[in-house]
Amino acid sequence: MTANAQDEKEAAVTTIREMGWLQGDIVSGADLADHIPQAAVDGVLGGKLPSHWVLISHSCSIHARAYDQAPMVEWIALKMMKKKPLGAYLNSNNPRILQLQLDEKLIFEAKIERRIWTPRSVLQSLKRNEHQKLDSEMIQTLSYWLSHSYNRIAIPDKLVERLKFRNGENIYIGLGVAIDSFLSENAHLLKGAWISFYPKEELLDATPYSVAFRLLIKPKHAAKLNELNTKLQEATNLDASEIEGLDIDECLITPLQDFTMLDAEDFTHYNSSDWLSLAEEDEGEGEGEGEGE
C-alpha cells in the first residue's frame, strides 16, 4: 500500500468520526445510487431505489480507528409509506419485516433481505437526512430486530400445536392466537412479549405444558397498565377446549423496568409473527400503501 493510500484511509476515519456517524442515521435513497452496483439494485431492491437508507453497522465499526478493521458499512432500505402500521410488524415481532411509526399514518418499513454494503469511506460524502430521523427508541428497536431477525423461538412442536390449532371450521384458535391478536391490537403500547414454558422438550403424551406470558408495557404508557391487564385477561379467558394440554401460570402485563435479568433467564422473547407472518404479509400487502416524500 502506498503512503498516499494509507493517508487517505486515516483521513477518512478522522472525517467520519468528526461527522459523528452512528447506527440509525438516515440518508435519502438516491444518495447511495452511485455506490451500489446495478446488479444489487436489480437483485436486492427489485430494480428500484428505496425512499431512504438507514445505516445499520454498529457504531463501534463505523468509528473503528483502523480503516481496514471495518472497510465496509451496511445499510438497509427503508420504504416510507402513508398508512397505519400493522401491529405484527412493530416492536421486532416479525423476523422479516419491521415497521417504525413516524406519525399516526406514516411509517418506515424495512425488509430484512433489502440490505447492501458500501465502502466506509462513502460516509465522508454523504449528508444525513435532516427531515426524517429515528429517535432513540426506534434505533433500539431496529438494533434488536437486526440482531434477532434470523432467530426463531425454540418452542417444542407439540407445544406449538397446543397453542395454535384449527377447529372444525378450519379456523385457527387457541391461546397463542389470542395472544397474537392482543399483541397486534396493542403493539403501540407494548415494548415486547416473553414466554416461559416447561418442560422444554417434546411431550408425546397428554401431560400438559406449563406456560406463562409476560408482556412489557412502554414506560410512557404505564398509566394504562391496569386497563390493558383487564383487556388481556378478557382476551385469554378461553373455553377449556382451546387450552387443552396447557396449564396457564400467568398472562400478565408488567412495567418494562420490573422485568429483571432473572426473568430473562426463564423467559424467551416471543415473536408472535413466527406463526402467522406469512399469512399476514399476504393479506396486508398493498393495503393503503403509498410512498411519502
C-alpha atoms as a PDB file:
ATOM      1  CA  MET A   1       0.000   0.000   0.000  1.00  0.00           C
ATOM      2  CA  THR A   2       1.317   3.425  -0.909  1.00  0.00           C
ATOM      3  CA  ALA A   3       1.752   6.138   1.661  1.00  0.00           C
ATOM      4  CA  ASN A   4      -0.909   8.219  -0.072  1.00  0.00           C
ATOM      5  CA  ALA A   5      -3.459   5.394   0.107  1.00  0.00           C
ATOM      6  CA  GLN A   6      -2.788   4.891   3.812  1.00  0.00           C
ATOM      7  CA  ASP A   7      -3.053   8.629   4.425  1.00  0.00           C
ATOM      8  CA  GLU A   8      -6.416   8.685   2.645  1.00  0.00           C
ATOM      9  CA  LYS A   9      -7.728   5.888   4.844  1.00  0.00           C
ATOM     10  CA  GLU A  10      -6.579   7.601   8.019  1.00  0.00           C
ATOM     11  CA  ALA A  11      -8.145  10.850   6.835  1.00  0.00           C
ATOM     12  CA  ALA A  12     -11.414   9.037   6.121  1.00  0.00           C
ATOM     13  CA  VAL A  13     -11.509   7.599   9.640  1.00  0.00           C
ATOM     14  CA  THR A  14     -10.916  11.048  11.130  1.00  0.00           C
ATOM     15  CA  THR A  15     -13.558  12.718   8.962  1.00  0.00           C
ATOM     16  CA  ILE A  16     -16.180  10.054   9.684  1.00  0.00           C
ATOM     17  CA  ARG A  17     -15.551  10.358  13.405  1.00  0.00           C
ATOM     18  CA  GLU A  18     -15.816  14.148  13.243  1.00  0.00           C
ATOM     19  CA  MET A  19     -19.069  13.905  11.284  1.00  0.00           C
ATOM     20  CA  GLY A  20     -20.467  11.754  14.075  1.00  0.00           C
ATOM     21  CA  TRP A  21     -21.999   8.969  12.006  1.00  0.00           C
ATOM     22  CA  LEU A  22     -23.882   6.391  14.109  1.00  0.00           C
ATOM     23  CA  GLN A  23     -26.069   3.348  13.665  1.00  0.00           C
ATOM     24  CA  GLY A  24     -29.587   4.557  12.859  1.00  0.00           C
ATOM     25  CA  ASP A  25     -28.560   7.583  10.785  1.00  0.00           C
ATOM     26  CA  ILE A  26     -30.654   8.035   7.643  1.00  0.00           C
ATOM     27  CA  VAL A  27     -29.809   9.219   4.139  1.00  0.00           C
ATOM     28  CA  SER A  28     -32.066   9.715   1.144  1.00  0.00           C
ATOM     29  CA  GLY A  29     -32.480   6.808  -1.242  1.00  0.00           C
ATOM     30  CA  ALA A  30     -30.701   8.448  -4.172  1.00  0.00           C
ATOM     31  CA  ASP A  31     -27.651   9.316  -2.063  1.00  0.00           C
ATOM     32  CA  LEU A  32     -26.207   5.806  -2.418  1.00  0.00           C
ATOM     33  CA  ALA A  33     -27.084   5.387  -6.094  1.00  0.00           C
ATOM     34  CA  ASP A  34     -23.506   5.909  -7.281  1.00  0.00           C
ATOM     35  CA  HIS A  35     -22.145   3.427  -4.739  1.00  0.00           C
ATOM     36  CA  ILE A  36     -24.399   0.416  -5.392  1.00  0.00           C
ATOM     37  CA  PRO A  37     -23.801  -1.967  -8.319  1.00  0.00           C
ATOM     38  CA  GLN A  38     -26.743  -2.194 -10.697  1.00  0.00           C
ATOM     39  CA  ALA A  39     -26.836  -5.935 -10.062  1.00  0.00           C
ATOM     40  CA  ALA A  40     -27.592  -5.224  -6.401  1.00  0.00           C
ATOM     41  CA  VAL A  41     -30.300  -2.721  -7.324  1.00  0.00           C
ATOM     42  CA  ASP A  42     -31.926  -5.311  -9.583  1.00  0.00           C
ATOM     43  CA  GLY A  43     -31.410  -8.358  -7.384  1.00  0.00           C
ATOM     44  CA  VAL A  44     -31.904  -6.966  -3.888  1.00  0.00           C
ATOM     45  CA  LEU A  45     -34.133  -3.952  -4.497  1.00  0.00           C
ATOM     46  CA  GLY A  46     -36.259  -5.129  -7.392  1.00  0.00           C
ATOM     47  CA  GLY A  47     -34.758  -2.563  -9.745  1.00  0.00           C
ATOM     48  CA  LYS A  48     -35.863   0.499  -7.772  1.00  0.00           C
ATOM     49  CA  LEU A  49     -34.058   2.572  -5.169  1.00  0.00           C
ATOM     50  CA  PRO A  50     -35.849   2.993  -1.823  1.00  0.00           C
ATOM     51  CA  SER A  51     -37.033   6.301  -0.439  1.00  0.00           C
ATOM     52  CA  HIS A  52     -34.374   6.164   2.308  1.00  0.00           C
ATOM     53  CA  TRP A  53     -31.468   4.151   3.688  1.00  0.00           C
ATOM     54  CA  VAL A  54     -30.603   3.626   7.335  1.00  0.00           C
ATOM     55  CA  LEU A  55     -27.060   2.862   8.454  1.00  0.00           C
ATOM     56  CA  ILE A  56     -27.129  -0.440  10.378  1.00  0.00           C
ATOM     57  CA  SER A  57     -23.457  -1.175  11.058  1.00  0.00           C
ATOM     58  CA  HIS A  58     -22.589  -0.985  14.735  1.00  0.00           C
ATOM     59  CA  SER A  59     -21.297   2.422  15.755  1.00  0.00           C
ATOM     60  CA  CYS A  60     -18.050   0.875  17.006  1.00  0.00           C
ATOM     61  CA  SER A  61     -17.412  -0.464  13.496  1.00  0.00           C
ATOM     62  CA  ILE A  62     -18.298   2.862  11.896  1.00  0.00           C
ATOM     63  CA  HIS A  63     -15.650   4.526  14.072  1.00  0.00           C
ATOM     64  CA  ALA A  64     -13.020   1.762  14.031  1.00  0.00           C
ATOM     65  CA  ARG A  65      -9.655   3.503  14.344  1.00  0.00           C
ATOM     66  CA  ALA A  66      -8.005   1.374  11.669  1.00  0.00           C
ATOM     67  CA  TYR A  67      -9.861   1.687   8.373  1.00  0.00           C
ATOM     68  CA  ASP A  68      -9.077  -1.886   7.345  1.00  0.00           C
ATOM     69  CA  GLN A  69     -10.701  -3.242  10.508  1.00  0.00           C
ATOM     70  CA  ALA A  70     -14.061  -2.198   9.051  1.00  0.00           C
ATOM     71  CA  PRO A  71     -13.633  -1.192   5.405  1.00  0.00           C
ATOM     72  CA  MET A  72     -17.345  -1.621   4.634  1.00  0.00           C
ATOM     73  CA  VAL A  73     -20.564  -0.412   6.268  1.00  0.00           C
ATOM     74  CA  GLU A  74     -24.028  -1.906   5.918  1.00  0.00           C
ATOM     75  CA  TRP A  75     -27.333  -0.247   5.077  1.00  0.00           C
ATOM     76  CA  ILE A  76     -30.921  -1.421   4.959  1.00  0.00           C
ATOM     77  CA  ALA A  77     -33.556   0.049   2.669  1.00  0.00           C
ATOM     78  CA  LEU A  78     -36.449   1.978   4.197  1.00  0.00           C
ATOM     79  CA  LYS A  79     -39.720   2.497   2.410  1.00  0.00           C
ATOM     80  CA  MET A  80     -41.725   5.482   3.613  1.00  0.00           C
ATOM     81  CA  MET A  81     -45.423   4.658   3.484  1.00  0.00           C
ATOM     82  CA  LYS A  82     -48.527   6.720   4.193  1.00  0.00           C
ATOM     83  CA  LYS A  83     -50.522   4.154   6.133  1.00  0.00           C
ATOM     84  CA  LYS A  84     -51.182   2.967   9.644  1.00  0.00           C
ATOM     85  CA  PRO A  85     -48.696   0.385  10.911  1.00  0.00           C
ATOM     86  CA  LEU A  86     -49.612  -3.273  11.191  1.00  0.00           C
ATOM     87  CA  GLY A  87     -49.198  -4.331  14.801  1.00  0.00           C
ATOM     88  CA  ALA A  88     -47.464  -7.573  13.861  1.00  0.00           C
ATOM     89  CA  TYR A  89     -44.629  -5.589  12.282  1.00  0.00           C
ATOM     90  CA  LEU A  90     -43.945  -3.299  15.259  1.00  0.00           C
ATOM     91  CA  ASN A  91     -41.545  -3.920  18.150  1.00  0.00           C
ATOM     92  CA  SER A  92     -39.399  -6.522  16.329  1.00  0.00           C
ATOM     93  CA  ASN A  93     -42.267  -9.037  16.411  1.00  0.00           C
ATOM     94  CA  ASN A  94     -41.719 -10.142  12.812  1.00  0.00           C
ATOM     95  CA  PRO A  95     -38.290 -11.535  11.895  1.00  0.00           C
ATOM     96  CA  ARG A  96     -38.540 -10.385   8.280  1.00  0.00           C
ATOM     97  CA  ILE A  97     -40.417  -7.068   8.302  1.00  0.00           C
ATOM     98  CA  LEU A  98     -40.118  -4.099  10.662  1.00  0.00           C
ATOM     99  CA  GLN A  99     -42.306  -1.006  10.685  1.00  0.00           C
ATOM    100  CA  LEU A 100     -41.267   2.152  12.537  1.00  0.00           C
ATOM    101  CA  GLN A 101     -44.116   4.549  13.200  1.00  0.00           C
ATOM    102  CA  LEU A 102     -43.257   8.162  12.391  1.00  0.00           C
ATOM    103  CA  ASP A 103     -46.781   9.561  12.699  1.00  0.00           C
ATOM    104  CA  GLU A 104     -50.320   8.253  13.007  1.00  0.00           C
ATOM    105  CA  LYS A 105     -50.417   7.356   9.311  1.00  0.00           C
ATOM    106  CA  LEU A 106     -46.754   7.496   8.324  1.00  0.00           C
ATOM    107  CA  ILE A 107     -44.257   4.675   8.694  1.00  0.00           C
ATOM    108  CA  PHE A 108     -40.863   3.439   7.613  1.00  0.00           C
ATOM    109  CA  GLU A 109     -40.873  -0.202   6.542  1.00  0.00           C
ATOM    110  CA  ALA A 110     -37.732  -2.342   6.370  1.00  0.00           C
ATOM    111  CA  LYS A 111     -37.409  -5.864   4.991  1.00  0.00           C
ATOM    112  CA  ILE A 112     -34.519  -7.918   6.271  1.00  0.00           C
ATOM    113  CA  GLU A 113     -33.329  -9.044   2.827  1.00  0.00           C
ATOM    114  CA  ARG A 114     -33.054  -5.473   1.440  1.00  0.00           C
ATOM    115  CA  ARG A 115     -29.521  -4.830   2.697  1.00  0.00           C
ATOM    116  CA  ILE A 116     -26.401  -3.608   0.911  1.00  0.00           C
ATOM    117  CA  TRP A 117     -22.779  -2.767   1.724  1.00  0.00           C
ATOM    118  CA  THR A 118     -20.743   0.266   0.710  1.00  0.00           C
ATOM    119  CA  PRO A 119     -17.149   1.292   1.456  1.00  0.00           C
ATOM    120  CA  ARG A 120     -16.926   3.065   4.797  1.00  0.00           C
ATOM    121  CA  SER A 121     -15.204   5.975   3.065  1.00  0.00           C
ATOM    122  CA  VAL A 122     -18.500   6.769   1.304  1.00  0.00           C
ATOM    123  CA  LEU A 123     -19.758   8.285   4.561  1.00  0.00           C
ATOM    124  CA  GLN A 124     -17.470  11.260   4.009  1.00  0.00           C
ATOM    125  CA  SER A 125     -19.502  12.402   1.009  1.00  0.00           C
ATOM    126  CA  LEU A 126     -22.968  11.861   2.474  1.00  0.00           C
ATOM    127  CA  LYS A 127     -25.304  14.066   4.457  1.00  0.00           C
ATOM    128  CA  ARG A 128     -27.823  12.831   6.979  1.00  0.00           C
ATOM    129  CA  ASN A 129     -31.456  13.382   6.096  1.00  0.00           C
ATOM    130  CA  GLU A 130     -32.465  16.161   8.477  1.00  0.00           C
ATOM    131  CA  HIS A 131     -36.189  15.822   7.731  1.00  0.00           C
ATOM    132  CA  GLN A 132     -36.517  12.182   8.756  1.00  0.00           C
ATOM    133  CA  LYS A 133     -34.763  10.875  11.843  1.00  0.00           C
ATOM    134  CA  LEU A 134     -35.157   7.872  14.107  1.00  0.00           C
ATOM    135  CA  ASP A 135     -35.498   8.594  17.804  1.00  0.00           C
ATOM    136  CA  SER A 136     -33.569   6.570  20.379  1.00  0.00           C
ATOM    137  CA  GLU A 137     -36.427   4.115  20.930  1.00  0.00           C
ATOM    138  CA  MET A 138     -36.742   3.446  17.191  1.00  0.00           C
ATOM    139  CA  ILE A 139     -32.992   2.868  16.910  1.00  0.00           C
ATOM    140  CA  GLN A 140     -33.113   0.462  19.843  1.00  0.00           C
ATOM    141  CA  THR A 141     -35.978  -1.434  18.202  1.00  0.00           C
ATOM    142  CA  LEU A 142     -34.124  -1.522  14.872  1.00  0.00           C
ATOM    143  CA  SER A 143     -30.955  -2.816  16.512  1.00  0.00           C
ATOM    144  CA  TYR A 144     -32.833  -5.540  18.380  1.00  0.00           C
ATOM    145  CA  TRP A 145     -34.691  -6.574  15.228  1.00  0.00           C
ATOM    146  CA  LEU A 146     -31.476  -6.824  13.233  1.00  0.00           C
ATOM    147  CA  SER A 147     -29.746  -8.934  15.866  1.00  0.00           C
ATOM    148  CA  HIS A 148     -32.681 -11.330  16.235  1.00  0.00           C
ATOM    149  CA  SER A 149     -34.126 -11.339  12.726  1.00  0.00           C
ATOM    150  CA  TYR A 150     -32.968 -14.844  11.901  1.00  0.00           C
ATOM    151  CA  ASN A 151     -33.582 -16.359  15.306  1.00  0.00           C
ATOM    152  CA  ARG A 152     -36.686 -18.413  15.890  1.00  0.00           C
ATOM    153  CA  ILE A 153     -38.121 -19.376  19.229  1.00  0.00           C
ATOM    154  CA  ALA A 154     -37.090 -22.869  20.276  1.00  0.00           C
ATOM    155  CA  ILE A 155     -40.618 -23.934  21.201  1.00  0.00           C
ATOM    156  CA  PRO A 156     -41.372 -27.661  21.033  1.00  0.00           C
ATOM    157  CA  ASP A 157     -43.618 -28.566  18.120  1.00  0.00           C
ATOM    158  CA  LYS A 158     -46.085 -30.251  20.471  1.00  0.00           C
ATOM    159  CA  LEU A 159     -46.429 -27.026  22.450  1.00  0.00           C
ATOM    160  CA  VAL A 160     -46.971 -25.004  19.274  1.00  0.00           C
ATOM    161  CA  GLU A 161     -49.726 -27.442  18.286  1.00  0.00           C
ATOM    162  CA  ARG A 162     -51.466 -26.779  21.603  1.00  0.00           C
ATOM    163  CA  LEU A 163     -51.051 -23.015  21.437  1.00  0.00           C
ATOM    164  CA  LYS A 164     -52.452 -22.679  17.920  1.00  0.00           C
ATOM    165  CA  PHE A 165     -54.582 -25.170  16.013  1.00  0.00           C
ATOM    166  CA  ARG A 166     -57.506 -25.326  13.586  1.00  0.00           C
ATOM    167  CA  ASN A 167     -61.034 -26.013  14.789  1.00  0.00           C
ATOM    168  CA  GLY A 168     -63.751 -27.904  12.947  1.00  0.00           C
ATOM    169  CA  GLU A 169     -64.390 -24.855  10.775  1.00  0.00           C
ATOM    170  CA  ASN A 170     -60.717 -24.740   9.750  1.00  0.00           C
ATOM    171  CA  ILE A 171     -60.141 -21.521  11.727  1.00  0.00           C
ATOM    172  CA  TYR A 172     -57.072 -21.043  13.914  1.00  0.00           C
ATOM    173  CA  ILE A 173     -57.906 -20.885  17.615  1.00  0.00           C
ATOM    174  CA  GLY A 174     -56.030 -21.280  20.905  1.00  0.00           C
ATOM    175  CA  LEU A 175     -54.127 -19.289  23.497  1.00  0.00           C
ATOM    176  CA  GLY A 176     -51.395 -18.391  21.015  1.00  0.00           C
ATOM    177  CA  VAL A 177     -53.935 -16.909  18.620  1.00  0.00           C
ATOM    178  CA  ALA A 178     -55.484 -14.852  21.437  1.00  0.00           C
ATOM    179  CA  ILE A 179     -52.055 -13.545  22.482  1.00  0.00           C
ATOM    180  CA  ASP A 180     -51.096 -12.771  18.874  1.00  0.00           C
ATOM    181  CA  SER A 181     -54.320 -10.833  18.327  1.00  0.00           C
ATOM    182  CA  PHE A 182     -53.820  -8.856  21.545  1.00  0.00           C
ATOM    183  CA  LEU A 183     -50.242  -8.003  20.585  1.00  0.00           C
ATOM    184  CA  SER A 184     -51.315  -6.883  17.131  1.00  0.00           C
ATOM    185  CA  GLU A 185     -54.019  -4.587  18.514  1.00  0.00           C
ATOM    186  CA  ASN A 186     -51.863  -3.084  21.275  1.00  0.00           C
ATOM    187  CA  ALA A 187     -48.349  -3.167  19.807  1.00  0.00           C
ATOM    188  CA  HIS A 188     -48.048   0.627  20.006  1.00  0.00           C
ATOM    189  CA  LEU A 189     -48.355   0.421  23.807  1.00  0.00           C
ATOM    190  CA  LEU A 190     -46.064  -2.537  24.393  1.00  0.00           C
ATOM    191  CA  LYS A 191     -42.297  -2.953  24.306  1.00  0.00           C
ATOM    192  CA  GLY A 192     -42.314  -6.686  23.731  1.00  0.00           C
ATOM    193  CA  ALA A 193     -43.624 -10.066  24.794  1.00  0.00           C
ATOM    194  CA  TRP A 194     -41.960 -13.013  26.512  1.00  0.00           C
ATOM    195  CA  ILE A 195     -42.952 -16.641  27.026  1.00  0.00           C
ATOM    196  CA  SER A 196     -41.890 -19.215  29.612  1.00  0.00           C
ATOM    197  CA  PHE A 197     -42.768 -22.890  29.296  1.00  0.00           C
ATOM    198  CA  TYR A 198     -41.999 -26.220  30.944  1.00  0.00           C
ATOM    199  CA  PRO A 199     -40.916 -28.832  30.127  1.00  0.00           C
ATOM    200  CA  LYS A 200     -38.577 -27.715  27.359  1.00  0.00           C
ATOM    201  CA  GLU A 201     -38.762 -30.948  25.376  1.00  0.00           C
ATOM    202  CA  GLU A 202     -41.415 -32.587  23.205  1.00  0.00           C
ATOM    203  CA  LEU A 203     -44.219 -34.281  25.137  1.00  0.00           C
ATOM    204  CA  LEU A 204     -45.516 -37.386  23.419  1.00  0.00           C
ATOM    205  CA  ASP A 205     -48.374 -37.985  25.850  1.00  0.00           C
ATOM    206  CA  ALA A 206     -51.183 -35.868  27.303  1.00  0.00           C
ATOM    207  CA  THR A 207     -49.006 -34.319  30.020  1.00  0.00           C
ATOM    208  CA  PRO A 208     -49.746 -30.571  29.981  1.00  0.00           C
ATOM    209  CA  TYR A 209     -47.201 -27.847  29.314  1.00  0.00           C
ATOM    210  CA  SER A 210     -46.970 -25.091  31.913  1.00  0.00           C
ATOM    211  CA  VAL A 211     -46.869 -21.742  30.108  1.00  0.00           C
ATOM    212  CA  ALA A 212     -46.629 -18.104  31.119  1.00  0.00           C
ATOM    213  CA  PHE A 213     -46.773 -14.965  29.015  1.00  0.00           C
ATOM    214  CA  ARG A 214     -45.261 -11.690  30.189  1.00  0.00           C
ATOM    215  CA  LEU A 215     -45.994  -8.578  28.112  1.00  0.00           C
ATOM    216  CA  LEU A 216     -43.998  -5.405  28.821  1.00  0.00           C
ATOM    217  CA  ILE A 217     -45.669  -2.010  28.668  1.00  0.00           C
ATOM    218  CA  LYS A 218     -43.713   1.018  27.497  1.00  0.00           C
ATOM    219  CA  PRO A 219     -42.906   3.435  30.351  1.00  0.00           C
ATOM    220  CA  LYS A 220     -44.758   6.324  28.695  1.00  0.00           C
ATOM    221  CA  HIS A 221     -47.972   4.260  28.698  1.00  0.00           C
ATOM    222  CA  ALA A 222     -47.661   2.969  32.275  1.00  0.00           C
ATOM    223  CA  ALA A 223     -50.909   4.704  33.276  1.00  0.00           C
ATOM    224  CA  LYS A 224     -52.781   2.214  31.087  1.00  0.00           C
ATOM    225  CA  LEU A 225     -51.309  -0.839  32.846  1.00  0.00           C
ATOM    226  CA  ASN A 226     -54.451  -1.877  34.745  1.00  0.00           C
ATOM    227  CA  GLU A 227     -56.713  -1.220  31.779  1.00  0.00           C
ATOM    228  CA  LEU A 228     -54.518  -3.326  29.494  1.00  0.00           C
ATOM    229  CA  ASN A 229     -54.279  -6.150  32.014  1.00  0.00           C
ATOM    230  CA  THR A 230     -58.068  -6.276  32.197  1.00  0.00           C
ATOM    231  CA  LYS A 231     -58.265  -6.489  28.409  1.00  0.00           C
ATOM    232  CA  LEU A 232     -55.606  -9.208  28.358  1.00  0.00           C
ATOM    233  CA  GLN A 233     -57.487 -11.312  30.904  1.00  0.00           C
ATOM    234  CA  GLU A 234     -60.649 -10.972  28.831  1.00  0.00           C
ATOM    235  CA  ALA A 235     -58.802 -11.905  25.647  1.00  0.00           C
ATOM    236  CA  THR A 236     -57.265 -15.028  27.201  1.00  0.00           C
ATOM    237  CA  ASN A 237     -60.406 -16.223  29.023  1.00  0.00           C
ATOM    238  CA  LEU A 238     -60.891 -19.124  26.630  1.00  0.00           C
ATOM    239  CA  ASP A 239     -63.044 -22.231  26.584  1.00  0.00           C
ATOM    240  CA  ALA A 240     -61.447 -25.364  28.005  1.00  0.00           C
ATOM    241  CA  SER A 241     -61.289 -26.859  24.511  1.00  0.00           C
ATOM    242  CA  GLU A 242     -58.995 -24.020  23.395  1.00  0.00           C
ATOM    243  CA  ILE A 243     -56.424 -24.536  26.148  1.00  0.00           C
ATOM    244  CA  GLU A 244     -56.411 -28.324  26.307  1.00  0.00           C
ATOM    245  CA  GLY A 245     -52.961 -29.616  27.168  1.00  0.00           C
ATOM    246  CA  LEU A 246     -51.895 -26.325  28.788  1.00  0.00           C
ATOM    247  CA  ASP A 247     -51.522 -25.208  32.393  1.00  0.00           C
ATOM    248  CA  ILE A 248     -51.522 -21.402  32.252  1.00  0.00           C
ATOM    249  CA  ASP A 249     -49.380 -19.986  35.054  1.00  0.00           C
ATOM    250  CA  GLU A 250     -49.973 -16.373  34.055  1.00  0.00           C
ATOM    251  CA  CYS A 251     -50.754 -13.997  31.213  1.00  0.00           C
ATOM    252  CA  LEU A 252     -49.648 -10.661  32.587  1.00  0.00           C
ATOM    253  CA  ILE A 253     -48.595  -7.176  31.547  1.00  0.00           C
ATOM    254  CA  THR A 254     -45.868  -5.624  33.676  1.00  0.00           C
ATOM    255  CA  PRO A 255     -43.823  -2.411  33.594  1.00  0.00           C
ATOM    256  CA  LEU A 256     -40.688  -2.713  31.498  1.00  0.00           C
ATOM    257  CA  GLN A 257     -38.450  -1.896  34.460  1.00  0.00           C
ATOM    258  CA  ASP A 258     -39.952  -4.751  36.502  1.00  0.00           C
ATOM    259  CA  PHE A 259     -38.714  -7.371  34.042  1.00  0.00           C
ATOM    260  CA  THR A 260     -35.376  -8.401  35.539  1.00  0.00           C
ATOM    261  CA  MET A 261     -32.372 -10.390  34.388  1.00  0.00           C
ATOM    262  CA  LEU A 262     -33.667 -13.302  36.466  1.00  0.00           C
ATOM    263  CA  ASP A 263     -36.896 -13.190  34.486  1.00  0.00           C
ATOM    264  CA  ALA A 264     -34.939 -13.146  31.239  1.00  0.00           C
ATOM    265  CA  GLU A 265     -33.226 -16.396  32.239  1.00  0.00           C
ATOM    266  CA  ASP A 266     -36.570 -18.196  32.374  1.00  0.00           C
ATOM    267  CA  PHE A 267     -38.435 -16.354  29.612  1.00  0.00           C
ATOM    268  CA  THR A 268     -37.814 -16.331  25.860  1.00  0.00           C
ATOM    269  CA  HIS A 269     -38.566 -13.360  23.618  1.00  0.00           C
ATOM    270  CA  TYR A 270     -41.846 -14.128  21.886  1.00  0.00           C
ATOM    271  CA  ASN A 271     -42.164 -13.342  18.176  1.00  0.00           C
ATOM    272  CA  SER A 272     -45.853 -13.827  17.543  1.00  0.00           C
ATOM    273  CA  SER A 273     -45.461 -13.468  13.794  1.00  0.00           C
ATOM    274  CA  ASP A 274     -43.219 -16.510  13.575  1.00  0.00           C
ATOM    275  CA  TRP A 275     -46.513 -18.383  13.334  1.00  0.00           C
ATOM    276  CA  LEU A 276     -48.761 -16.111  11.314  1.00  0.00           C
ATOM    277  CA  SER A 277     -46.437 -13.744   9.490  1.00  0.00           C
ATOM    278  CA  LEU A 278     -46.673 -15.330   6.047  1.00  0.00           C
ATOM    279  CA  ALA A 279     -50.460 -15.174   6.045  1.00  0.00           C
ATOM    280  CA  GLU A 280     -50.443 -11.646   7.406  1.00  0.00           C
ATOM    281  CA  GLU A 281     -47.960 -10.486   4.790  1.00  0.00           C
ATOM    282  CA  ASP A 282     -50.131 -11.892   2.005  1.00  0.00           C
ATOM    283  CA  GLU A 283     -53.259 -10.264   3.395  1.00  0.00           C
ATOM    284  CA  GLY A 284     -51.677  -6.913   4.222  1.00  0.00           C
ATOM    285  CA  GLU A 285     -49.575  -6.419   1.106  1.00  0.00           C
ATOM    286  CA  GLY A 286     -50.682  -3.400  -0.840  1.00  0.00           C
ATOM    287  CA  GLU A 287     -53.356  -2.171   1.544  1.00  0.00           C
ATOM    288  CA  GLY A 288     -53.238   1.594   1.792  1.00  0.00           C
ATOM    289  CA  GLU A 289     -49.665   1.765   0.602  1.00  0.00           C
ATOM    290  CA  GLY A 290     -48.222   4.959  -0.739  1.00  0.00           C
ATOM    291  CA  GLU A 291     -44.736   6.332  -0.562  1.00  0.00           C
ATOM    292  CA  GLY A 292     -44.148   9.556   1.293  1.00  0.00           C
ATOM    293  CA  GLU A 293     -41.647  12.186   0.429  1.00  0.00           C
END
